[in-house]
Amino acid sequence: MSTASSRHMERVASLGCVVCRRILGRPYVPANAHHCFDSADRSDWLTIPLCPDHHQGANGFHGMGERAFNRMFKTSERVLLGMTIEDLAK
């Protein structure tokens, strides 16, 4: 992992969980960077901030699976990535 991509992932995580903030209207919740899309397309630059619950927990992308997660939160990784890029630009 390059220094630039490490810094980018730290900035993404520092935003706080995108689901909590942008979809559920909650205040800042600490997050980790979740790599978007298929593992074959994995890039440190295509990451979104998800709290532990929304990342790997029972209500999480990996915990529920992508389809159930998208249905529950009426979103997709592409939409969440767009929100993340918008937040980084502020």
N, C-alpha and C. Protein backbone atom coordinates (compact mmCIF):
# COMPACT_ATOMS: atom_id res chain seq x y z
N MET A 1 0.86 -1.17 0.00
CA MET A 1 0.00 0.00 0.00
C MET A 1 0.90 1.23 0.00
N SER A 2 0.62 2.16 -0.89
CA SER A 2 1.43 3.37 -0.96
C SER A 2 1.07 4.32 0.18
N THR A 3 1.98 5.25 0.42
CA THR A 3 1.73 6.26 1.45
C THR A 3 0.51 7.09 1.10
N ALA A 4 0.36 7.44 -0.17
CA ALA A 4 -0.78 8.26 -0.60
C ALA A 4 -2.09 7.51 -0.38
N SER A 5 -2.14 6.24 -0.73
CA SER A 5 -3.39 5.49 -0.55
C SER A 5 -3.68 5.28 0.93
N SER A 6 -2.63 5.11 1.75
CA SER A 6 -2.83 4.99 3.20
C SER A 6 -3.44 6.28 3.77
N ARG A 7 -2.92 7.41 3.34
CA ARG A 7 -3.46 8.71 3.79
C ARG A 7 -4.91 8.87 3.34
N HIS A 8 -5.19 8.44 2.12
CA HIS A 8 -6.57 8.54 1.62
C HIS A 8 -7.51 7.70 2.48
N MET A 9 -7.13 6.47 2.77
CA MET A 9 -7.99 5.60 3.58
C MET A 9 -8.17 6.16 4.99
N GLU A 10 -7.14 6.78 5.54
CA GLU A 10 -7.27 7.43 6.86
C GLU A 10 -8.25 8.59 6.79
N ARG A 11 -8.19 9.38 5.70
CA ARG A 11 -9.14 10.49 5.54
C ARG A 11 -10.57 9.97 5.41
N VAL A 12 -10.74 8.90 4.65
CA VAL A 12 -12.07 8.30 4.48
C VAL A 12 -12.60 7.86 5.85
N ALA A 13 -11.81 7.11 6.59
CA ALA A 13 -12.25 6.63 7.91
C ALA A 13 -12.56 7.78 8.85
N SER A 14 -11.79 8.88 8.75
CA SER A 14 -11.98 10.02 9.66
C SER A 14 -13.33 10.72 9.45
N LEU A 15 -13.99 10.47 8.33
CA LEU A 15 -15.30 11.08 8.07
C LEU A 15 -16.37 10.53 9.02
N GLY A 16 -16.17 9.33 9.51
CA GLY A 16 -17.21 8.65 10.29
C GLY A 16 -18.13 7.88 9.36
N CYS A 17 -18.87 6.97 9.90
CA CYS A 17 -19.72 6.06 9.11
C CYS A 17 -20.68 6.82 8.19
N VAL A 18 -20.59 6.54 6.90
CA VAL A 18 -21.44 7.21 5.92
C VAL A 18 -22.91 6.79 6.07
N VAL A 19 -23.15 5.56 6.48
CA VAL A 19 -24.54 5.11 6.66
C VAL A 19 -25.16 5.82 7.87
N CYS A 20 -24.42 5.85 8.97
CA CYS A 20 -24.94 6.52 10.17
C CYS A 20 -25.22 8.00 9.88
N ARG A 21 -24.25 8.69 9.28
CA ARG A 21 -24.37 10.14 9.08
C ARG A 21 -25.35 10.51 7.98
N ARG A 22 -25.17 9.92 6.81
CA ARG A 22 -25.89 10.39 5.63
C ARG A 22 -27.25 9.71 5.44
N ILE A 23 -27.40 8.48 5.91
CA ILE A 23 -28.67 7.77 5.70
C ILE A 23 -29.53 7.79 6.96
N LEU A 24 -28.92 7.54 8.11
CA LEU A 24 -29.68 7.47 9.36
C LEU A 24 -29.72 8.79 10.12
N GLY A 25 -28.95 9.79 9.70
CA GLY A 25 -28.97 11.11 10.34
C GLY A 25 -28.39 11.14 11.74
N ARG A 26 -27.50 10.22 12.03
CA ARG A 26 -26.87 10.17 13.35
C ARG A 26 -25.61 11.03 13.35
N PRO A 27 -25.12 11.38 14.53
CA PRO A 27 -23.85 12.12 14.59
C PRO A 27 -22.68 11.20 14.22
N TYR A 28 -21.50 11.77 14.27
CA TYR A 28 -20.27 11.05 13.93
C TYR A 28 -20.16 9.74 14.70
N VAL A 29 -19.89 8.66 13.97
CA VAL A 29 -19.61 7.35 14.55
C VAL A 29 -18.29 6.88 13.93
N PRO A 30 -17.28 6.53 14.75
CA PRO A 30 -15.98 6.10 14.20
C PRO A 30 -16.14 4.97 13.17
N ALA A 31 -15.27 5.01 12.17
CA ALA A 31 -15.40 4.07 11.06
C ALA A 31 -14.05 3.53 10.60
N ASN A 32 -14.13 2.47 9.82
CA ASN A 32 -12.99 1.92 9.10
C ASN A 32 -13.29 2.06 7.60
N ALA A 33 -12.27 2.00 6.78
CA ALA A 33 -12.46 2.08 5.33
C ALA A 33 -12.87 0.71 4.80
N HIS A 34 -13.99 0.66 4.10
CA HIS A 34 -14.50 -0.55 3.45
C HIS A 34 -14.18 -0.45 1.96
N HIS A 35 -13.54 -1.47 1.42
CA HIS A 35 -13.23 -1.50 -0.01
C HIS A 35 -14.50 -1.84 -0.80
N CYS A 36 -14.81 -1.01 -1.76
CA CYS A 36 -16.02 -1.20 -2.57
C CYS A 36 -15.77 -2.16 -3.73
N PHE A 37 -16.84 -2.76 -4.15
CA PHE A 37 -16.91 -3.58 -5.35
C PHE A 37 -16.19 -4.91 -5.20
N ASP A 38 -16.20 -5.68 -6.25
CA ASP A 38 -15.64 -7.02 -6.28
C ASP A 38 -14.16 -7.01 -5.91
N SER A 39 -13.72 -8.05 -5.24
CA SER A 39 -12.32 -8.11 -4.82
C SER A 39 -11.35 -8.05 -5.99
N ALA A 40 -11.79 -8.44 -7.18
CA ALA A 40 -10.94 -8.34 -8.36
C ALA A 40 -10.67 -6.87 -8.72
N ASP A 41 -11.58 -5.99 -8.33
CA ASP A 41 -11.46 -4.55 -8.61
C ASP A 41 -10.98 -3.78 -7.39
N ARG A 42 -10.51 -4.46 -6.38
CA ARG A 42 -10.16 -3.83 -5.10
C ARG A 42 -9.13 -2.72 -5.29
N SER A 43 -9.47 -1.57 -4.75
CA SER A 43 -8.56 -0.43 -4.80
C SER A 43 -8.71 0.35 -3.50
N ASP A 44 -7.59 0.77 -2.92
CA ASP A 44 -7.64 1.58 -1.71
C ASP A 44 -8.29 2.93 -1.97
N TRP A 45 -8.38 3.33 -3.23
CA TRP A 45 -8.97 4.62 -3.59
C TRP A 45 -10.49 4.52 -3.68
N LEU A 46 -11.03 3.33 -3.75
CA LEU A 46 -12.48 3.12 -3.83
C LEU A 46 -12.97 2.56 -2.51
N THR A 47 -12.96 3.42 -1.49
CA THR A 47 -13.34 3.01 -0.15
C THR A 47 -14.38 3.95 0.43
N ILE A 48 -15.19 3.42 1.34
CA ILE A 48 -16.20 4.20 2.04
C ILE A 48 -16.04 3.96 3.54
N PRO A 49 -16.42 4.94 4.37
CA PRO A 49 -16.31 4.76 5.81
C PRO A 49 -17.53 4.05 6.39
N LEU A 50 -17.30 2.92 7.03
CA LEU A 50 -18.38 2.19 7.69
C LEU A 50 -17.97 1.88 9.12
N CYS A 51 -18.90 2.07 10.06
CA CYS A 51 -18.66 1.70 11.45
C CYS A 51 -18.63 0.17 11.54
N PRO A 52 -18.13 -0.38 12.65
CA PRO A 52 -18.08 -1.85 12.76
C PRO A 52 -19.43 -2.53 12.53
N ASP A 53 -20.52 -1.95 13.03
CA ASP A 53 -21.84 -2.56 12.84
C ASP A 53 -22.25 -2.57 11.37
N HIS A 54 -22.03 -1.47 10.66
CA HIS A 54 -22.43 -1.40 9.25
C HIS A 54 -21.40 -2.01 8.30
N HIS A 55 -20.25 -2.38 8.83
CA HIS A 55 -19.23 -3.03 8.01
C HIS A 55 -19.34 -4.55 8.13
N GLN A 56 -19.14 -5.07 9.33
CA GLN A 56 -19.10 -6.52 9.50
C GLN A 56 -20.08 -7.05 10.55
N GLY A 57 -20.87 -6.17 11.14
CA GLY A 57 -21.82 -6.58 12.17
C GLY A 57 -23.09 -7.19 11.60
N ALA A 58 -24.03 -7.45 12.47
CA ALA A 58 -25.31 -8.05 12.07
C ALA A 58 -26.06 -7.17 11.07
N ASN A 59 -25.89 -5.85 11.16
CA ASN A 59 -26.52 -4.92 10.22
C ASN A 59 -25.51 -4.42 9.18
N GLY A 60 -24.46 -5.20 8.95
CA GLY A 60 -23.37 -4.75 8.10
C GLY A 60 -23.35 -5.35 6.72
N PHE A 61 -22.56 -4.71 5.88
CA PHE A 61 -22.40 -5.13 4.49
C PHE A 61 -21.95 -6.59 4.42
N HIS A 62 -20.94 -6.95 5.20
CA HIS A 62 -20.45 -8.32 5.18
C HIS A 62 -21.30 -9.25 6.05
N GLY A 63 -21.90 -8.71 7.09
CA GLY A 63 -22.73 -9.51 7.96
C GLY A 63 -24.04 -9.96 7.32
N MET A 64 -24.67 -9.05 6.56
CA MET A 64 -25.96 -9.34 5.92
C MET A 64 -25.81 -9.82 4.48
N GLY A 65 -24.72 -9.41 3.87
CA GLY A 65 -24.56 -9.61 2.44
C GLY A 65 -24.99 -8.35 1.71
N GLU A 66 -24.42 -8.15 0.55
CA GLU A 66 -24.63 -6.91 -0.21
C GLU A 66 -26.09 -6.65 -0.54
N ARG A 67 -26.80 -7.64 -1.04
CA ARG A 67 -28.19 -7.42 -1.46
C ARG A 67 -29.09 -7.02 -0.29
N ALA A 68 -28.97 -7.73 0.83
CA ALA A 68 -29.79 -7.42 2.00
C ALA A 68 -29.42 -6.04 2.56
N PHE A 69 -28.12 -5.72 2.60
CA PHE A 69 -27.65 -4.42 3.07
C PHE A 69 -28.24 -3.30 2.20
N ASN A 70 -28.13 -3.44 0.89
CA ASN A 70 -28.65 -2.43 -0.02
C ASN A 70 -30.16 -2.26 0.13
N ARG A 71 -30.85 -3.35 0.30
CA ARG A 71 -32.30 -3.30 0.46
C ARG A 71 -32.67 -2.62 1.78
N MET A 72 -31.98 -2.98 2.86
CA MET A 72 -32.30 -2.42 4.17
C MET A 72 -32.08 -0.90 4.20
N PHE A 73 -30.98 -0.44 3.60
CA PHE A 73 -30.65 0.98 3.67
C PHE A 73 -31.01 1.75 2.39
N LYS A 74 -31.65 1.05 1.44
CA LYS A 74 -32.08 1.67 0.18
C LYS A 74 -30.94 2.44 -0.48
N THR A 75 -29.82 1.73 -0.67
CA THR A 75 -28.62 2.35 -1.22
C THR A 75 -27.79 1.31 -1.96
N SER A 76 -26.59 1.69 -2.35
CA SER A 76 -25.63 0.78 -2.98
C SER A 76 -24.22 1.31 -2.70
N GLU A 77 -23.23 0.47 -2.96
CA GLU A 77 -21.86 0.92 -2.77
C GLU A 77 -21.56 2.13 -3.64
N ARG A 78 -22.09 2.17 -4.84
CA ARG A 78 -21.85 3.31 -5.74
C ARG A 78 -22.40 4.60 -5.14
N VAL A 79 -23.60 4.54 -4.61
CA VAL A 79 -24.21 5.72 -3.99
C VAL A 79 -23.39 6.15 -2.77
N LEU A 80 -23.01 5.20 -1.93
CA LEU A 80 -22.22 5.52 -0.74
C LEU A 80 -20.84 6.06 -1.11
N LEU A 81 -20.25 5.54 -2.19
CA LEU A 81 -18.96 6.05 -2.66
C LEU A 81 -19.12 7.49 -3.14
N GLY A 82 -20.21 7.79 -3.84
CA GLY A 82 -20.48 9.16 -4.27
C GLY A 82 -20.61 10.10 -3.08
N MET A 83 -21.32 9.68 -2.06
CA MET A 83 -21.47 10.50 -0.84
C MET A 83 -20.11 10.73 -0.18
N THR A 84 -19.28 9.69 -0.16
CA THR A 84 -17.95 9.79 0.44
C THR A 84 -17.08 10.78 -0.32
N ILE A 85 -17.09 10.69 -1.63
CA ILE A 85 -16.30 11.62 -2.45
C ILE A 85 -16.79 13.06 -2.22
N GLU A 86 -18.10 13.23 -2.15
CA GLU A 86 -18.66 14.55 -1.88
C GLU A 86 -18.19 15.07 -0.52
N ASP A 87 -18.23 14.21 0.50
CA ASP A 87 -17.79 14.61 1.84
C ASP A 87 -16.30 14.95 1.87
N LEU A 88 -15.50 14.21 1.12
CA LEU A 88 -14.05 14.49 1.08
C LEU A 88 -13.77 15.83 0.39
N ALA A 89 -14.64 16.23 -0.52
CA ALA A 89 -14.43 17.48 -1.27
C ALA A 89 -14.80 18.71 -0.45
N LYS A 90 -15.52 18.52 0.64
CA LYS A 90 -15.97 19.67 1.46
C LYS A 90 -14.82 20.27 2.24
